[in-house]
Amino acid sequence: MDDRRNDGGPAFPIPPIVIGEQMFDDRAADGMSLRDWIAGTTAAGLVAAHPFMHSNNEFRTGRIKSVAGLAYQIADAMLEARK
């Protein structure tokens, strides 16, 4: 069974440079996945929108993993909606 997650592919790929007939692929890179990019930007928004994330207490500490998990759930939903 294939349980690989749809990561949306690379978010900011850098294609190889072709000049004439010569390819320079030493700069080519896939970068982060689209899923990671969406989750990261979502997490930033969630943290900015919730004042409890700015206080230094046990409640904040316990919520960090919840925010990260929610950000990836949102990213997965967005990738699913693209199909």
Protein backbone atom coordinates (compact mmCIF):
# COMPACT_ATOMS: atom_id res chain seq x y z
CA MET A 1 0.00 0.00 0.00
CA ASP A 2 1.31 3.45 -0.90
CA ASP A 3 0.88 5.77 2.06
CA ARG A 4 2.87 8.72 0.71
CA ARG A 5 1.17 12.01 1.50
CA ASN A 6 0.36 14.48 -1.26
CA ASP A 7 2.81 17.29 -0.57
CA GLY A 8 1.75 19.38 -3.57
CA GLY A 9 5.18 19.16 -5.15
CA PRO A 10 7.86 21.82 -4.83
CA ALA A 11 6.69 25.27 -3.77
CA PHE A 12 9.51 27.28 -5.35
CA PRO A 13 11.47 25.04 -7.71
CA ILE A 14 14.54 26.39 -9.47
CA PRO A 15 14.79 24.82 -12.93
CA PRO A 16 18.15 24.06 -14.52
CA ILE A 17 19.61 26.82 -16.65
CA VAL A 18 19.99 25.99 -20.33
CA ILE A 19 22.26 28.13 -22.49
CA GLY A 20 22.38 26.98 -26.07
CA GLU A 21 22.78 23.23 -25.85
CA GLN A 22 24.49 23.21 -22.45
CA MET A 23 22.53 22.58 -19.25
CA PHE A 24 23.75 23.98 -15.95
CA ASP A 25 21.80 22.04 -13.31
CA ASP A 26 24.01 22.83 -10.31
CA ARG A 27 21.53 25.56 -9.33
CA ALA A 28 18.44 23.37 -9.83
CA ALA A 29 16.57 22.64 -6.61
CA ASP A 30 13.10 21.57 -5.56
CA GLY A 31 12.97 23.69 -2.42
CA MET A 32 10.32 23.07 0.22
CA SER A 33 7.09 21.30 -0.57
CA LEU A 34 3.92 23.26 -1.23
CA ARG A 35 2.39 21.49 1.80
CA ASP A 36 5.15 22.78 4.09
CA TRP A 37 4.86 26.30 2.66
CA ILE A 38 1.08 26.39 3.17
CA ALA A 39 1.42 25.01 6.71
CA GLY A 40 4.11 27.54 7.57
CA THR A 41 2.16 30.53 6.37
CA THR A 42 -0.99 29.20 8.04
CA ALA A 43 0.83 28.71 11.35
CA ALA A 44 2.16 32.28 11.17
CA GLY A 45 -1.37 33.59 10.70
CA LEU A 46 -2.76 31.49 13.53
CA VAL A 47 -0.05 32.66 15.92
CA ALA A 48 -0.50 36.31 14.94
CA ALA A 49 -4.28 36.09 15.37
CA HIS A 50 -4.24 34.51 18.82
CA PRO A 51 -2.89 36.63 21.70
CA PHE A 52 -2.51 33.57 23.93
CA MET A 53 0.44 32.52 21.77
CA HIS A 54 2.37 35.62 22.83
CA SER A 55 2.29 34.96 26.56
CA ASN A 56 4.89 32.75 28.17
CA ASN A 57 2.89 30.27 30.18
CA GLU A 58 1.96 26.60 30.27
CA PHE A 59 -1.18 27.20 28.22
CA ARG A 60 0.89 28.59 25.34
CA THR A 61 3.40 25.78 25.58
CA GLY A 62 0.66 23.17 25.31
CA ARG A 63 -0.96 24.90 22.35
CA ILE A 64 2.10 25.09 20.08
CA LYS A 65 1.75 21.49 18.89
CA SER A 66 -1.97 22.03 18.38
CA VAL A 67 -1.32 25.03 16.15
CA ALA A 68 1.26 23.10 14.12
CA GLY A 69 -1.11 20.17 13.69
CA LEU A 70 -3.97 22.47 12.69
CA ALA A 71 -1.72 24.23 10.16
CA TYR A 72 -0.95 20.90 8.46
CA GLN A 73 -4.62 19.89 8.53
CA ILE A 74 -5.45 23.13 6.74
CA ALA A 75 -2.60 22.56 4.26
CA ASP A 76 -3.88 19.04 3.52
CA ALA A 77 -7.41 20.38 3.00
CA MET A 78 -6.13 23.05 0.62
CA LEU A 79 -4.15 20.49 -1.39
CA GLU A 80 -7.21 18.25 -1.53
CA ALA A 81 -9.33 21.16 -2.79
CA ARG A 82 -6.87 21.67 -5.67
CA LYS A 83 -7.72 18.25 -7.15
